[in-house]
Amino acid sequence: METDYYSIDAILSENQKLQCTFKIDIPDLGYLDGGAERDIKALSKLQLPFWLVPMLLHSDYADCTIPPPFSQRVRNALNAEPRSVKLSGLVGSGGLWYGFGRMIMRQLDDYQAKEISDVLSKTFKERLVDVMDQAHHFGSLGSSAAGVVGGSGNAGEDFREGLDATERELFALAQESAKQTKQWYESSDKMRR
């Protein structure tokens, strides 16, 4: 994922909200809270969109907590077994967990950023094997994959539901590659007969 101004993935990743605690009073910005107050008071806690947070942090107006998708509980689950965690449900629709993690890392101190980076890398590496394996499996089945799991829809789609958007994109590419490889093999096999 790029952090380019025009990147749709970057825009969607920045759409997440973070809890911020203000250090000082901020006049005339009470509307950010959605309340009737005119000012934001020191020690007020607000949920703010990510794109607004870097300016507040760098100006030293507020502190932010690590968001729930990267909480210690989630990191412990990912360190124990990354393949069992449903990443798509951690960051809402679109499921750009890796992209949001990269953006969060840039706002943290070095120790916390390294910890998040390690979790992102380990999770991606360990889940990639299953993503590719399942994509090749369902890609080689072709249209006969529908109804494989208890007759309840496409089994490949059931697997993809728990994937992050980046993983879903890789899954689709690998699945298409497996289909094309199977078609090529079958067509070349017919030519040899």
Protein backbone atom coordinates (compact mmCIF):
# COMPACT_ATOMS: atom_id res chain seq x y z
CA MET A 1 0.00 0.00 0.00
CA GLU A 2 1.25 3.42 -0.89
CA THR A 3 0.98 6.51 1.29
CA ASP A 4 0.38 8.61 -1.78
CA TYR A 5 -2.21 11.39 -1.58
CA TYR A 6 -4.18 9.77 -4.41
CA SER A 7 -3.96 6.18 -3.10
CA ILE A 8 -7.42 4.77 -2.35
CA ASP A 9 -5.89 2.26 0.10
CA ALA A 10 -4.18 5.09 1.99
CA ILE A 11 -7.41 7.09 2.13
CA LEU A 12 -9.34 4.07 3.46
CA SER A 13 -6.63 3.32 6.02
CA GLU A 14 -6.70 6.90 7.27
CA ASN A 15 -10.46 6.65 7.77
CA GLN A 16 -9.97 4.82 11.10
CA LYS A 17 -10.47 6.68 14.37
CA LEU A 18 -8.09 6.98 17.31
CA GLN A 19 -8.78 7.96 20.89
CA CYS A 20 -6.89 11.12 21.78
CA THR A 21 -6.49 12.84 25.14
CA PHE A 22 -5.92 16.57 24.87
CA LYS A 23 -3.10 18.06 26.95
CA ILE A 24 -4.26 21.67 26.75
CA ASP A 25 -7.45 23.64 26.18
CA ILE A 26 -8.16 24.19 22.48
CA PRO A 27 -10.47 27.14 21.79
CA ASP A 28 -13.23 27.01 19.19
CA LEU A 29 -12.83 23.31 18.30
CA GLY A 30 -15.56 21.89 20.52
CA TYR A 31 -17.49 20.84 17.42
CA LEU A 32 -14.99 17.99 16.95
CA ASP A 33 -16.60 16.32 19.95
CA GLY A 34 -20.08 16.80 18.50
CA GLY A 35 -21.25 18.34 21.76
CA ALA A 36 -22.49 21.75 22.78
CA GLU A 37 -19.16 22.87 24.24
CA ARG A 38 -17.38 25.62 22.36
CA ASP A 39 -13.84 24.62 23.42
CA ILE A 40 -12.02 21.35 23.95
CA LYS A 41 -10.84 21.19 27.55
CA ALA A 42 -7.54 19.70 28.71
CA LEU A 43 -7.83 15.97 29.53
CA SER A 44 -10.85 15.61 27.23
CA LYS A 45 -10.92 12.33 25.33
CA LEU A 46 -12.14 12.31 21.74
CA GLN A 47 -12.32 9.78 18.93
CA LEU A 48 -10.71 11.53 15.96
CA PRO A 49 -10.01 10.41 12.40
CA PHE A 50 -6.45 9.30 11.82
CA TRP A 51 -5.70 12.01 9.26
CA LEU A 52 -6.15 14.64 11.98
CA VAL A 53 -3.99 12.92 14.62
CA PRO A 54 -0.43 13.50 13.29
CA MET A 55 -0.85 17.27 13.45
CA LEU A 56 -2.11 17.07 17.04
CA LEU A 57 0.73 14.77 18.11
CA HIS A 58 3.49 16.77 16.47
CA SER A 59 2.12 20.02 17.88
CA ASP A 60 2.07 18.33 21.31
CA TYR A 61 -1.62 19.19 21.78
CA ALA A 62 -2.71 15.62 22.48
CA ASP A 63 -1.63 12.05 23.16
CA CYS A 64 -3.19 9.04 21.49
CA THR A 65 -3.54 5.46 22.60
CA ILE A 66 -2.76 2.47 20.43
CA PRO A 67 -6.05 1.59 18.71
CA PRO A 68 -7.89 -1.68 19.52
CA PRO A 69 -6.81 -3.47 16.29
CA PHE A 70 -3.23 -3.31 17.65
CA SER A 71 -3.94 -3.71 21.36
CA GLN A 72 -1.87 -6.05 23.49
CA ARG A 73 -4.70 -8.62 23.39
CA VAL A 74 -4.71 -8.71 19.58
CA ARG A 75 -0.89 -8.78 19.42
CA ASN A 76 -0.81 -11.70 21.86
CA ALA A 77 -3.34 -13.61 19.73
CA LEU A 78 -1.33 -12.89 16.58
CA ASN A 79 1.92 -13.95 18.23
CA ALA A 80 0.29 -17.20 19.39
CA GLU A 81 -1.36 -18.15 16.08
CA PRO A 82 -1.61 -15.52 13.32
CA ARG A 83 -3.72 -17.74 11.05
CA SER A 84 -6.57 -17.97 13.56
CA VAL A 85 -7.25 -14.22 13.80
CA LYS A 86 -9.91 -12.75 11.51
CA LEU A 87 -8.11 -9.57 10.38
CA SER A 88 -11.03 -8.30 8.30
CA GLY A 89 -13.11 -7.67 11.42
CA LEU A 90 -10.47 -5.64 13.25
CA VAL A 91 -10.61 -2.40 11.23
CA GLY A 92 -14.12 -2.29 9.83
CA SER A 93 -15.25 -2.47 6.26
CA GLY A 94 -12.53 -2.85 3.71
CA GLY A 95 -10.29 -4.54 6.25
CA LEU A 96 -7.04 -2.62 5.62
CA TRP A 97 -5.36 -3.84 8.82
CA TYR A 98 -1.81 -3.87 7.41
CA GLY A 99 -2.17 -0.39 5.90
CA PHE A 100 -3.58 1.05 9.11
CA GLY A 101 -0.75 -0.60 11.04
CA ARG A 102 1.87 1.02 8.84
CA MET A 103 0.29 4.43 9.39
CA ILE A 104 0.07 3.90 13.15
CA MET A 105 3.76 2.91 13.30
CA ARG A 106 4.81 6.32 12.00
CA GLN A 107 3.12 8.01 14.96
CA LEU A 108 4.63 5.84 17.72
CA ASP A 109 7.95 5.96 19.53
CA ASP A 110 10.70 3.65 18.25
CA TYR A 111 10.05 0.80 20.69
CA GLN A 112 6.30 0.65 20.05
CA ALA A 113 6.79 1.07 16.29
CA LYS A 114 9.23 -1.85 16.21
CA GLU A 115 6.80 -3.99 18.20
CA ILE A 116 3.95 -3.24 15.78
CA SER A 117 6.28 -3.74 12.80
CA ASP A 118 7.34 -7.14 14.10
CA VAL A 119 3.71 -8.20 14.55
CA LEU A 120 2.77 -6.99 11.06
CA SER A 121 5.72 -8.80 9.45
CA LYS A 122 5.27 -12.05 11.37
CA THR A 123 1.53 -12.09 10.75
CA PHE A 124 1.91 -11.45 7.03
CA LYS A 125 4.64 -14.08 6.57
CA GLU A 126 2.80 -16.79 8.48
CA ARG A 127 -0.58 -16.11 6.86
CA LEU A 128 0.84 -15.82 3.34
CA VAL A 129 1.49 -19.56 3.13
CA ASP A 130 -2.18 -20.36 3.82
CA VAL A 131 -3.39 -17.61 1.50
CA MET A 132 -1.35 -18.97 -1.41
CA ASP A 133 -2.18 -22.60 -0.60
CA GLN A 134 -5.92 -21.93 -0.45
CA ALA A 135 -5.83 -19.74 -3.56
CA HIS A 136 -4.10 -22.46 -5.58
CA HIS A 137 -6.47 -25.09 -4.21
CA PHE A 138 -9.64 -23.19 -5.07
CA GLY A 139 -8.16 -21.88 -8.32
CA SER A 140 -7.42 -25.39 -9.54
CA LEU A 141 -10.95 -26.55 -8.66
CA GLY A 142 -12.43 -23.91 -10.96
CA SER A 143 -16.20 -23.67 -11.02
CA SER A 144 -16.60 -26.99 -9.19
CA ALA A 145 -15.48 -25.27 -5.94
CA ALA A 146 -19.01 -23.97 -5.33
CA GLY A 147 -20.70 -25.89 -2.59
CA VAL A 148 -17.59 -27.76 -1.39
CA VAL A 149 -18.06 -26.78 2.25
CA GLY A 150 -21.45 -28.04 3.35
CA GLY A 151 -23.11 -26.77 0.19
CA SER A 152 -23.16 -23.23 1.56
CA GLY A 153 -21.65 -21.14 -1.21
CA ASN A 154 -18.16 -20.89 -2.56
CA ALA A 155 -15.59 -22.30 -0.11
CA GLY A 156 -12.96 -19.88 -1.45
CA GLU A 157 -15.18 -16.95 -0.49
CA ASP A 158 -15.68 -18.41 2.99
CA PHE A 159 -11.91 -18.50 3.47
CA ARG A 160 -11.45 -14.97 2.09
CA GLU A 161 -13.90 -13.44 4.58
CA GLY A 162 -11.29 -13.43 7.36
CA LEU A 163 -8.52 -11.93 5.23
CA ASP A 164 -7.23 -8.38 5.21
CA ALA A 165 -7.77 -6.48 1.93
CA THR A 166 -4.09 -6.94 0.99
CA GLU A 167 -4.37 -10.69 1.57
CA ARG A 168 -7.64 -10.84 -0.41
CA GLU A 169 -5.93 -9.14 -3.33
CA LEU A 170 -3.05 -11.64 -3.23
CA PHE A 171 -5.57 -14.49 -2.90
CA ALA A 172 -7.45 -13.35 -6.01
CA LEU A 173 -4.23 -12.97 -8.02
CA ALA A 174 -2.95 -16.40 -6.97
CA GLN A 175 -6.34 -17.99 -7.61
CA GLU A 176 -6.48 -16.53 -11.12
CA SER A 177 -2.90 -17.69 -11.72
CA ALA A 178 -3.83 -21.23 -10.66
CA LYS A 179 -6.85 -21.21 -13.00
CA GLN A 180 -4.75 -20.03 -15.93
CA THR A 181 -2.03 -22.58 -15.17
CA LYS A 182 -4.63 -25.35 -15.07
CA GLN A 183 -6.12 -24.18 -18.39
CA TRP A 184 -2.68 -24.03 -19.98
CA TYR A 185 -1.79 -27.49 -18.71
CA GLU A 186 -5.06 -29.00 -19.92
CA SER A 187 -4.75 -27.34 -23.34
CA SER A 188 -1.12 -28.45 -23.77
CA ASP A 189 -2.06 -31.95 -22.62
CA LYS A 190 -4.73 -32.14 -25.35
CA MET A 191 -2.20 -31.06 -27.97
CA ARG A 192 0.16 -33.91 -27.00
CA ARG A 193 -2.52 -36.57 -27.59
